[in-house]
PDB file of N, CA and C in Angstrom:
ATOM      1  N   UNK A   1     -11.443  -3.686 -21.583  1.00  0.00           N
ATOM      2  CA  UNK A   1     -12.865  -4.826 -21.521  1.00  0.00           C
ATOM      3  C   UNK A   1     -12.738  -5.984 -22.405  1.00  0.00           C
ATOM      4  N   UNK A   2     -12.622  -5.793 -23.771  1.00  0.00           N
ATOM      5  CA  UNK A   2     -12.587  -6.566 -25.048  1.00  0.00           C
ATOM      6  C   UNK A   2     -11.657  -7.491 -24.456  1.00  0.00           C
ATOM      7  N   UNK A   3     -10.661  -7.524 -23.686  1.00  0.00           N
ATOM      8  CA  UNK A   3      -9.535  -8.526 -23.165  1.00  0.00           C
ATOM      9  C   UNK A   3     -10.071  -9.022 -22.299  1.00  0.00           C
ATOM     10  N   UNK A   4     -10.891  -8.911 -21.449  1.00  0.00           N
ATOM     11  CA  UNK A   4     -11.305  -9.523 -20.252  1.00  0.00           C
ATOM     12  C   UNK A   4     -12.344 -10.237 -20.863  1.00  0.00           C
ATOM     13  N   UNK A   5     -13.348 -10.043 -21.727  1.00  0.00           N
ATOM     14  CA  UNK A   5     -14.505 -10.595 -22.330  1.00  0.00           C
ATOM     15  C   UNK A   5     -13.834 -11.682 -23.247  1.00  0.00           C
ATOM     16  N   UNK A   6     -12.922 -11.811 -23.778  1.00  0.00           N
ATOM     17  CA  UNK A   6     -11.761 -12.653 -24.720  1.00  0.00           C
ATOM     18  C   UNK A   6     -11.435 -13.806 -23.625  1.00  0.00           C
ATOM     19  N   UNK A   7     -10.864 -13.283 -22.693  1.00  0.00           N
ATOM     20  CA  UNK A   7     -10.184 -14.328 -21.410  1.00  0.00           C
ATOM     21  C   UNK A   7     -11.443 -14.947 -21.179  1.00  0.00           C
ATOM     22  N   UNK A   8     -12.399 -14.449 -20.664  1.00  0.00           N
ATOM     23  CA  UNK A   8     -13.763 -15.457 -19.965  1.00  0.00           C
ATOM     24  C   UNK A   8     -13.785 -16.229 -21.046  1.00  0.00           C
ATOM     25  N   UNK A   9     -14.220 -15.647 -22.340  1.00  0.00           N
ATOM     26  CA  UNK A   9     -14.687 -16.929 -23.229  1.00  0.00           C
ATOM     27  C   UNK A   9     -13.577 -18.117 -23.384  1.00  0.00           C
ATOM     28  N   UNK A  10     -12.311 -17.590 -23.729  1.00  0.00           N
ATOM     29  CA  UNK A  10     -11.487 -18.725 -24.076  1.00  0.00           C
ATOM     30  C   UNK A  10     -11.313 -19.535 -22.350  1.00  0.00           C
ATOM     31  N   UNK A  11     -11.632 -19.099 -21.275  1.00  0.00           N
ATOM     32  CA  UNK A  11     -11.645 -19.719 -20.097  1.00  0.00           C
ATOM     33  C   UNK A  11     -12.808 -20.486 -19.798  1.00  0.00           C
ATOM     34  N   UNK A  12     -13.509 -20.640 -20.827  1.00  0.00           N
ATOM     35  CA  UNK A  12     -15.038 -21.327 -20.710  1.00  0.00           C
ATOM     36  C   UNK A  12     -15.995 -20.643 -19.951  1.00  0.00           C
ATOM     37  N   UNK A  13     -16.197 -19.590 -19.533  1.00  0.00           N
ATOM     38  CA  UNK A  13     -16.914 -18.996 -18.641  1.00  0.00           C
ATOM     39  C   UNK A  13     -17.959 -18.406 -19.853  1.00  0.00           C
ATOM     40  N   UNK A  14     -18.473 -19.388 -20.109  1.00  0.00           N
ATOM     41  CA  UNK A  14     -19.699 -18.424 -21.212  1.00  0.00           C
ATOM     42  C   UNK A  14     -20.904 -18.025 -20.557  1.00  0.00           C
ATOM     43  N   UNK A  15     -21.312 -18.120 -19.312  1.00  0.00           N
ATOM     44  CA  UNK A  15     -22.131 -17.380 -18.937  1.00  0.00           C
ATOM     45  C   UNK A  15     -21.999 -15.963 -18.922  1.00  0.00           C
ATOM     46  N   UNK A  16     -20.817 -15.332 -18.743  1.00  0.00           N
ATOM     47  CA  UNK A  16     -20.457 -14.235 -18.591  1.00  0.00           C
ATOM     48  C   UNK A  16     -20.308 -13.332 -20.196  1.00  0.00           C
ATOM     49  N   UNK A  17     -20.567 -14.339 -21.119  1.00  0.00           N
ATOM     50  CA  UNK A  17     -20.324 -13.759 -22.595  1.00  0.00           C
ATOM     51  C   UNK A  17     -21.689 -12.632 -22.727  1.00  0.00           C
ATOM     52  N   UNK A  18     -22.570 -13.215 -22.295  1.00  0.00           N
ATOM     53  CA  UNK A  18     -23.928 -12.042 -22.412  1.00  0.00           C
ATOM     54  C   UNK A  18     -23.665 -10.674 -22.154  1.00  0.00           C
ATOM     55  N   UNK A  19     -22.826 -10.533 -21.011  1.00  0.00           N
ATOM     56  CA  UNK A  19     -22.142  -9.401 -20.171  1.00  0.00           C
ATOM     57  C   UNK A  19     -21.590  -8.559 -21.238  1.00  0.00           C
ATOM     58  N   UNK A  20     -20.587  -9.273 -21.938  1.00  0.00           N
ATOM     59  CA  UNK A  20     -19.686  -8.601 -23.065  1.00  0.00           C
ATOM     60  C   UNK A  20     -20.586  -8.227 -24.187  1.00  0.00           C
ATOM     61  N   UNK A  21     -21.751  -8.653 -24.175  1.00  0.00           N
ATOM     62  CA  UNK A  21     -22.373  -8.330 -25.462  1.00  0.00           C
ATOM     63  C   UNK A  21     -22.204  -9.147 -26.774  1.00  0.00           C
ATOM     64  N   UNK A  22     -21.828 -10.532 -26.410  1.00  0.00           N
ATOM     65  CA  UNK A  22     -21.369 -11.659 -27.282  1.00  0.00           C
ATOM     66  C   UNK A  22     -22.731 -11.957 -27.618  1.00  0.00           C
ATOM     67  N   UNK A  23     -23.511 -12.612 -27.009  1.00  0.00           N
ATOM     68  CA  UNK A  23     -24.938 -13.211 -27.432  1.00  0.00           C
ATOM     69  C   UNK A  23     -26.006 -12.414 -27.558  1.00  0.00           C
ATOM     70  N   UNK A  24     -26.371 -12.185 -28.649  1.00  0.00           N
ATOM     71  CA  UNK A  24     -27.376 -10.794 -28.666  1.00  0.00           C
ATOM     72  C   UNK A  24     -28.820 -11.828 -28.597  1.00  0.00           C
ATOM     73  N   UNK A  25     -29.114 -12.965 -28.663  1.00  0.00           N
ATOM     74  CA  UNK A  25     -30.233 -13.870 -28.579  1.00  0.00           C
ATOM     75  C   UNK A  25     -30.553 -13.770 -27.192  1.00  0.00           C
ATOM     76  N   UNK A  26     -29.813 -13.541 -26.260  1.00  0.00           N
ATOM     77  CA  UNK A  26     -30.505 -13.868 -24.904  1.00  0.00           C
ATOM     78  C   UNK A  26     -31.272 -13.010 -24.295  1.00  0.00           C
ATOM     79  N   UNK A  27     -32.327 -13.224 -23.804  1.00  0.00           N
ATOM     80  CA  UNK A  27     -33.477 -12.668 -23.191  1.00  0.00           C
ATOM     81  C   UNK A  27     -32.767 -11.371 -22.418  1.00  0.00           C
ATOM     82  N   UNK A  28     -33.508  -9.971 -22.423  1.00  0.00           N
ATOM     83  CA  UNK A  28     -32.797  -8.875 -22.027  1.00  0.00           C
ATOM     84  C   UNK A  28     -32.812  -9.085 -20.645  1.00  0.00           C
ATOM     85  N   UNK A  29     -33.594  -9.510 -19.815  1.00  0.00           N
ATOM     86  CA  UNK A  29     -33.503  -9.967 -18.321  1.00  0.00           C
ATOM     87  C   UNK A  29     -32.635 -10.534 -18.232  1.00  0.00           C
ATOM     88  N   UNK A  30     -32.112 -11.956 -18.613  1.00  0.00           N
ATOM     89  CA  UNK A  30     -31.245 -12.524 -18.634  1.00  0.00           C
ATOM     90  C   UNK A  30     -29.749 -11.749 -18.794  1.00  0.00           C
ATOM     91  N   UNK A  31     -29.976 -10.915 -19.671  1.00  0.00           N
ATOM     92  CA  UNK A  31     -28.382 -10.090 -20.074  1.00  0.00           C
ATOM     93  C   UNK A  31     -28.301  -9.090 -19.007  1.00  0.00           C
ATOM     94  N   UNK A  32     -29.335  -8.485 -18.453  1.00  0.00           N
ATOM     95  CA  UNK A  32     -29.284  -8.035 -17.389  1.00  0.00           C
ATOM     96  C   UNK A  32     -28.482  -8.600 -16.203  1.00  0.00           C
ATOM     97  N   UNK A  33     -29.161  -9.426 -15.635  1.00  0.00           N
ATOM     98  CA  UNK A  33     -28.568 -10.549 -14.629  1.00  0.00           C
ATOM     99  C   UNK A  33     -27.290 -11.073 -14.713  1.00  0.00           C
ATOM    100  N   UNK A  34     -26.887 -11.426 -16.031  1.00  0.00           N
ATOM    101  CA  UNK A  34     -25.415 -11.628 -16.210  1.00  0.00           C
ATOM    102  C   UNK A  34     -24.550 -10.105 -16.229  1.00  0.00           C
ATOM    103  N   UNK A  35     -24.844  -9.242 -16.518  1.00  0.00           N
ATOM    104  CA  UNK A  35     -24.197  -7.794 -16.805  1.00  0.00           C
ATOM    105  C   UNK A  35     -23.905  -7.498 -14.987  1.00  0.00           C
ATOM    106  N   UNK A  36     -25.364  -7.550 -14.416  1.00  0.00           N
ATOM    107  CA  UNK A  36     -24.900  -7.465 -13.229  1.00  0.00           C
ATOM    108  C   UNK A  36     -23.883  -8.316 -12.271  1.00  0.00           C
ATOM    109  N   UNK A  37     -24.236  -9.263 -12.771  1.00  0.00           N
ATOM    110  CA  UNK A  37     -23.078 -10.634 -11.762  1.00  0.00           C
ATOM    111  C   UNK A  37     -21.642  -9.890 -12.360  1.00  0.00           C
ATOM    112  N   UNK A  38     -21.407  -9.729 -13.588  1.00  0.00           N
ATOM    113  CA  UNK A  38     -20.021  -9.556 -13.953  1.00  0.00           C
ATOM    114  C   UNK A  38     -19.615  -8.188 -13.211  1.00  0.00           C
ATOM    115  N   UNK A  39     -20.530  -7.193 -13.237  1.00  0.00           N
ATOM    116  CA  UNK A  39     -20.197  -5.816 -12.827  1.00  0.00           C
ATOM    117  C   UNK A  39     -19.745  -6.129 -11.253  1.00  0.00           C
ATOM    118  N   UNK A  40     -20.328  -6.974 -10.348  1.00  0.00           N
ATOM    119  CA  UNK A  40     -19.922  -7.526  -9.317  1.00  0.00           C
ATOM    120  C   UNK A  40     -18.575  -8.151  -8.959  1.00  0.00           C
ATOM    121  N   UNK A  41     -18.759  -8.952 -10.268  1.00  0.00           N
ATOM    122  CA  UNK A  41     -17.243  -9.859 -10.046  1.00  0.00           C
ATOM    123  C   UNK A  41     -16.246  -8.810 -10.269  1.00  0.00           C
ATOM    124  N   UNK A  42     -16.386  -7.956 -11.299  1.00  0.00           N
ATOM    125  CA  UNK A  42     -14.976  -7.077 -11.402  1.00  0.00           C
ATOM    126  C   UNK A  42     -14.841  -6.134 -10.186  1.00  0.00           C
ATOM    127  N   UNK A  43     -15.965  -5.732  -9.730  1.00  0.00           N
ATOM    128  CA  UNK A  43     -15.640  -4.905  -8.588  1.00  0.00           C
ATOM    129  C   UNK A  43     -15.177  -5.758  -7.191  1.00  0.00           C
ATOM    130  N   UNK A  44     -15.523  -6.790  -7.127  1.00  0.00           N
ATOM    131  CA  UNK A  44     -14.993  -7.953  -6.054  1.00  0.00           C
ATOM    132  C   UNK A  44     -13.357  -8.050  -6.436  1.00  0.00           C
ATOM    133  N   UNK A  45     -12.887  -7.990  -7.619  1.00  0.00           N
ATOM    134  CA  UNK A  45     -11.729  -8.334  -7.773  1.00  0.00           C
ATOM    135  C   UNK A  45     -10.727  -7.117  -8.021  1.00  0.00           C
ATOM    136  N   UNK A  46     -11.072  -5.605  -7.686  1.00  0.00           N
ATOM    137  CA  UNK A  46      -9.912  -4.595  -8.112  1.00  0.00           C
ATOM    138  C   UNK A  46     -10.303  -4.081  -6.831  1.00  0.00           C
TER     139      UNK A  46
END
């Protein structure tokens, strides 16, 4: 999972960074939304 997060960051997809626990200052609701988006993204690719 860490590798995926790193690739997302290096790829410039910063919106998904909170889902990886990178940005801790983001509001909880936003973190949850980003996490859910990342989860659905992963499911659609597996």
